[in-house]
């Protein structure tokens, strides 16, 4: 008798049950704007703030992704936004390997 083989590898991490916790986003470049924020919305997460050295770029990204709070510094973002978590993009060049 042949063993039953399943194609379900179950390799993805489980998503949190509460996804409406506010996320503060650090940076407003390509990786954040076109990768992270798109994925967060698709997964049902709640970005509530964005901070960037370039305020104009952060404002444009915030408008595009409907993020209500925009800051010029990460310090102001973490102190005044309703975010409980912060995230920032890190290109592969930053890998520890």
N, C-alpha and C. Protein backbone atom coordinates (compact mmCIF):
# COMPACT_ATOMS: atom_id res chain seq x y z
N UNK A 1 0.84 -1.18 0.00
CA UNK A 1 0.00 0.00 0.00
C UNK A 1 0.89 1.25 0.00
N UNK A 2 0.60 2.18 -0.91
CA UNK A 2 1.39 3.40 -1.01
C UNK A 2 0.96 4.40 0.07
N UNK A 3 1.94 5.14 0.65
CA UNK A 3 1.56 6.17 1.63
C UNK A 3 0.87 7.34 0.93
N UNK A 4 -0.05 7.95 1.62
CA UNK A 4 -0.76 9.11 1.08
C UNK A 4 0.15 10.34 1.19
N UNK A 5 0.36 11.02 0.09
CA UNK A 5 1.23 12.20 0.06
C UNK A 5 0.35 13.44 -0.12
N UNK A 6 0.64 14.44 0.70
CA UNK A 6 -0.12 15.68 0.63
C UNK A 6 0.76 16.79 0.05
N UNK A 7 0.18 17.63 -0.78
CA UNK A 7 0.91 18.78 -1.33
C UNK A 7 0.82 19.99 -0.39
N UNK A 8 0.06 19.88 0.69
CA UNK A 8 -0.08 20.97 1.65
C UNK A 8 1.13 20.96 2.58
N UNK A 9 2.07 21.86 2.37
CA UNK A 9 3.30 21.91 3.16
C UNK A 9 3.15 22.71 4.46
N UNK A 10 2.12 23.52 4.56
CA UNK A 10 1.86 24.32 5.77
C UNK A 10 3.12 25.05 6.24
N UNK A 11 3.73 25.80 5.33
CA UNK A 11 5.01 26.46 5.62
C UNK A 11 4.87 27.92 6.02
N UNK A 12 3.71 28.52 5.86
CA UNK A 12 3.55 29.93 6.17
C UNK A 12 3.30 30.14 7.66
N UNK A 13 3.81 31.23 8.23
CA UNK A 13 3.53 31.50 9.64
C UNK A 13 2.06 31.86 9.83
N UNK A 14 1.49 31.53 10.96
CA UNK A 14 0.08 31.88 11.18
C UNK A 14 -0.07 33.39 11.35
N UNK A 15 -1.13 33.93 10.78
CA UNK A 15 -1.42 35.36 10.93
C UNK A 15 -2.05 35.61 12.30
N UNK A 16 -1.80 36.78 12.88
CA UNK A 16 -2.43 37.08 14.17
C UNK A 16 -3.94 37.19 14.05
N UNK A 17 -4.64 36.87 15.12
CA UNK A 17 -6.10 36.95 15.11
C UNK A 17 -6.56 38.40 15.08
N UNK A 18 -5.86 39.28 15.81
CA UNK A 18 -6.21 40.70 15.85
C UNK A 18 -5.31 41.44 14.87
N UNK A 19 -5.89 41.87 13.76
CA UNK A 19 -5.09 42.54 12.72
C UNK A 19 -5.33 44.05 12.67
N UNK A 20 -6.15 44.58 13.53
CA UNK A 20 -6.46 46.01 13.48
C UNK A 20 -5.55 46.85 14.37
N UNK A 21 -4.55 46.22 14.99
CA UNK A 21 -3.58 46.96 15.78
C UNK A 21 -2.85 47.93 14.86
N UNK A 22 -2.69 49.17 15.28
CA UNK A 22 -2.05 50.18 14.44
C UNK A 22 -0.58 49.91 14.19
N UNK A 23 -0.17 50.10 12.94
CA UNK A 23 1.23 49.92 12.55
C UNK A 23 1.80 51.27 12.13
N UNK A 24 2.95 51.63 12.68
CA UNK A 24 3.69 52.81 12.26
C UNK A 24 4.75 52.40 11.26
N UNK A 25 4.75 53.00 10.10
CA UNK A 25 5.66 52.62 9.02
C UNK A 25 6.80 53.62 8.92
N UNK A 26 8.03 53.11 8.88
CA UNK A 26 9.22 53.95 8.81
C UNK A 26 9.77 53.88 7.39
N UNK A 27 9.78 55.01 6.71
CA UNK A 27 10.27 55.08 5.34
C UNK A 27 9.11 55.16 4.36
N UNK A 28 9.37 55.79 3.21
CA UNK A 28 8.31 55.95 2.22
C UNK A 28 8.82 55.70 0.81
N UNK A 29 9.88 54.91 0.72
CA UNK A 29 10.44 54.58 -0.59
C UNK A 29 9.71 53.41 -1.23
N UNK A 30 10.30 52.88 -2.29
CA UNK A 30 9.68 51.83 -3.08
C UNK A 30 9.28 50.61 -2.26
N UNK A 31 10.18 50.10 -1.43
CA UNK A 31 9.90 48.87 -0.70
C UNK A 31 8.69 49.05 0.22
N UNK A 32 8.63 50.16 0.92
CA UNK A 32 7.49 50.40 1.81
C UNK A 32 6.23 50.69 1.00
N UNK A 33 6.33 51.59 0.04
CA UNK A 33 5.16 52.06 -0.70
C UNK A 33 4.55 50.98 -1.61
N UNK A 34 5.39 50.23 -2.28
CA UNK A 34 4.89 49.30 -3.29
C UNK A 34 4.93 47.83 -2.89
N UNK A 35 5.54 47.53 -1.76
CA UNK A 35 5.62 46.14 -1.31
C UNK A 35 4.94 45.95 0.05
N UNK A 36 5.52 46.55 1.09
CA UNK A 36 5.01 46.36 2.44
C UNK A 36 3.56 46.82 2.59
N UNK A 37 3.27 48.04 2.20
CA UNK A 37 1.92 48.56 2.43
C UNK A 37 0.87 47.81 1.61
N UNK A 38 1.21 47.41 0.42
CA UNK A 38 0.29 46.61 -0.39
C UNK A 38 0.01 45.28 0.31
N UNK A 39 1.05 44.64 0.80
CA UNK A 39 0.90 43.36 1.49
C UNK A 39 0.13 43.51 2.81
N UNK A 40 0.40 44.59 3.55
CA UNK A 40 -0.32 44.81 4.82
C UNK A 40 -1.82 44.92 4.57
N UNK A 41 -2.19 45.72 3.59
CA UNK A 41 -3.62 45.89 3.29
C UNK A 41 -4.25 44.58 2.82
N UNK A 42 -3.52 43.84 1.99
CA UNK A 42 -4.04 42.56 1.49
C UNK A 42 -4.26 41.55 2.62
N UNK A 43 -3.42 41.63 3.66
CA UNK A 43 -3.53 40.72 4.80
C UNK A 43 -4.51 41.23 5.86
N UNK A 44 -5.01 42.46 5.67
CA UNK A 44 -5.97 43.02 6.61
C UNK A 44 -5.34 43.77 7.77
N UNK A 45 -4.05 44.12 7.66
CA UNK A 45 -3.40 44.89 8.71
C UNK A 45 -3.76 46.37 8.61
N UNK A 46 -3.41 47.14 9.63
CA UNK A 46 -3.89 48.51 9.78
C UNK A 46 -2.76 49.53 9.94
N UNK A 47 -2.14 49.97 8.83
CA UNK A 47 -1.14 51.04 8.95
C UNK A 47 -1.83 52.36 9.33
N UNK A 48 -1.38 52.97 10.41
CA UNK A 48 -2.01 54.22 10.88
C UNK A 48 -1.09 55.42 10.82
N UNK A 49 0.21 55.19 10.58
CA UNK A 49 1.16 56.31 10.54
C UNK A 49 2.34 55.95 9.66
N UNK A 50 2.95 57.00 9.09
CA UNK A 50 4.16 56.81 8.29
C UNK A 50 5.10 57.97 8.58
N UNK A 51 6.39 57.67 8.68
CA UNK A 51 7.41 58.69 8.91
C UNK A 51 8.50 58.52 7.87
N UNK A 52 9.04 59.66 7.43
CA UNK A 52 10.11 59.63 6.43
C UNK A 52 10.92 60.91 6.52
N UNK A 53 12.19 60.82 6.14
CA UNK A 53 13.02 62.03 6.09
C UNK A 53 12.50 63.00 5.04
N UNK A 54 11.83 62.47 4.03
CA UNK A 54 11.26 63.30 2.97
C UNK A 54 9.76 63.41 3.21
N UNK A 55 9.34 64.47 3.86
CA UNK A 55 7.95 64.64 4.26
C UNK A 55 7.00 64.59 3.06
N UNK A 56 7.38 65.23 1.96
CA UNK A 56 6.51 65.26 0.78
C UNK A 56 6.26 63.85 0.24
N UNK A 57 7.29 63.02 0.23
CA UNK A 57 7.13 61.65 -0.24
C UNK A 57 6.23 60.86 0.72
N UNK A 58 6.43 61.06 2.02
CA UNK A 58 5.59 60.38 3.01
C UNK A 58 4.12 60.79 2.85
N UNK A 59 3.89 62.06 2.58
CA UNK A 59 2.52 62.54 2.38
C UNK A 59 1.88 61.90 1.16
N UNK A 60 2.64 61.77 0.09
CA UNK A 60 2.11 61.15 -1.14
C UNK A 60 1.80 59.67 -0.90
N UNK A 61 2.68 58.96 -0.22
CA UNK A 61 2.45 57.54 0.07
C UNK A 61 1.25 57.39 1.01
N UNK A 62 1.16 58.27 2.00
CA UNK A 62 0.04 58.21 2.95
C UNK A 62 -1.29 58.43 2.22
N UNK A 63 -1.31 59.36 1.31
CA UNK A 63 -2.54 59.61 0.55
C UNK A 63 -2.91 58.40 -0.30
N UNK A 64 -1.93 57.84 -0.97
CA UNK A 64 -2.16 56.68 -1.84
C UNK A 64 -2.66 55.46 -1.08
N UNK A 65 -2.17 55.28 0.16
CA UNK A 65 -2.52 54.09 0.95
C UNK A 65 -3.48 54.40 2.10
N UNK A 66 -4.04 55.60 2.10
CA UNK A 66 -5.03 56.01 3.11
C UNK A 66 -4.50 55.85 4.54
N UNK A 67 -3.31 56.40 4.77
CA UNK A 67 -2.70 56.40 6.10
C UNK A 67 -2.95 57.77 6.70
N UNK A 68 -3.64 57.85 7.85
CA UNK A 68 -4.08 59.14 8.36
C UNK A 68 -3.00 60.04 8.97
N UNK A 69 -1.88 59.49 9.44
CA UNK A 69 -0.89 60.30 10.15
C UNK A 69 0.46 60.25 9.45
N UNK A 70 1.05 61.44 9.23
CA UNK A 70 2.34 61.54 8.54
C UNK A 70 3.28 62.34 9.42
N UNK A 71 4.53 61.83 9.55
CA UNK A 71 5.52 62.49 10.40
C UNK A 71 6.85 62.59 9.68
N UNK A 72 7.63 63.59 10.09
CA UNK A 72 8.95 63.81 9.49
C UNK A 72 10.04 63.06 10.24
N UNK A 73 9.75 62.62 11.47
CA UNK A 73 10.74 61.87 12.23
C UNK A 73 10.10 60.63 12.85
N UNK A 74 10.91 59.61 13.03
CA UNK A 74 10.42 58.39 13.66
C UNK A 74 10.07 58.63 15.13
N UNK A 75 10.79 59.52 15.77
CA UNK A 75 10.53 59.82 17.18
C UNK A 75 9.12 60.39 17.36
N UNK A 76 8.77 61.36 16.53
CA UNK A 76 7.42 61.94 16.61
C UNK A 76 6.37 60.90 16.27
N UNK A 77 6.66 60.07 15.30
CA UNK A 77 5.72 59.03 14.88
C UNK A 77 5.44 58.08 16.04
N UNK A 78 6.47 57.63 16.71
CA UNK A 78 6.28 56.66 17.79
C UNK A 78 5.64 57.29 19.03
N UNK A 79 5.83 58.59 19.24
CA UNK A 79 5.27 59.24 20.43
C UNK A 79 3.84 59.72 20.23
N UNK A 80 3.47 60.07 19.01
CA UNK A 80 2.16 60.71 18.83
C UNK A 80 1.16 59.90 18.03
N UNK A 81 1.58 58.89 17.32
CA UNK A 81 0.61 58.11 16.55
C UNK A 81 -0.04 57.06 17.43
N UNK A 82 -1.09 56.44 16.91
CA UNK A 82 -1.79 55.39 17.64
C UNK A 82 -1.21 54.01 17.33
N UNK A 83 -0.01 53.97 16.80
CA UNK A 83 0.58 52.69 16.42
C UNK A 83 1.10 51.94 17.64
N UNK A 84 0.95 50.64 17.61
CA UNK A 84 1.48 49.77 18.65
C UNK A 84 2.71 49.03 18.15
N UNK A 85 2.87 48.96 16.83
CA UNK A 85 4.00 48.28 16.20
C UNK A 85 4.64 49.21 15.18
N UNK A 86 5.94 49.06 14.99
CA UNK A 86 6.63 49.82 13.96
C UNK A 86 7.29 48.84 13.00
N UNK A 87 7.37 49.24 11.75
CA UNK A 87 8.01 48.40 10.74
C UNK A 87 8.79 49.29 9.80
N UNK A 88 9.86 48.76 9.25
CA UNK A 88 10.63 49.49 8.26
C UNK A 88 11.16 48.51 7.23
N UNK A 89 11.30 48.96 5.99
CA UNK A 89 11.80 48.07 4.94
C UNK A 89 13.32 47.92 5.06
N UNK A 90 13.79 46.75 4.76
CA UNK A 90 15.23 46.51 4.79
C UNK A 90 15.61 45.75 3.51
N UNK A 91 16.33 46.38 2.62
CA UNK A 91 16.70 45.69 1.39
C UNK A 91 17.61 44.50 1.68
N UNK A 92 17.70 43.58 0.75
CA UNK A 92 18.49 42.37 0.92
C UNK A 92 19.94 42.66 1.29
N UNK A 93 20.45 43.81 0.88
CA UNK A 93 21.83 44.16 1.18
C UNK A 93 22.08 44.25 2.69
N UNK A 94 21.00 44.43 3.47
CA UNK A 94 21.13 44.54 4.92
C UNK A 94 21.13 43.16 5.60
N UNK A 95 21.01 42.11 4.85
CA UNK A 95 20.96 40.77 5.40
C UNK A 95 22.20 40.47 6.23
N UNK A 96 22.04 39.69 7.30
CA UNK A 96 23.17 39.33 8.15
C UNK A 96 24.01 38.21 7.55
N UNK A 97 23.52 37.57 6.53
CA UNK A 97 24.28 36.46 5.92
C UNK A 97 25.35 36.97 5.00
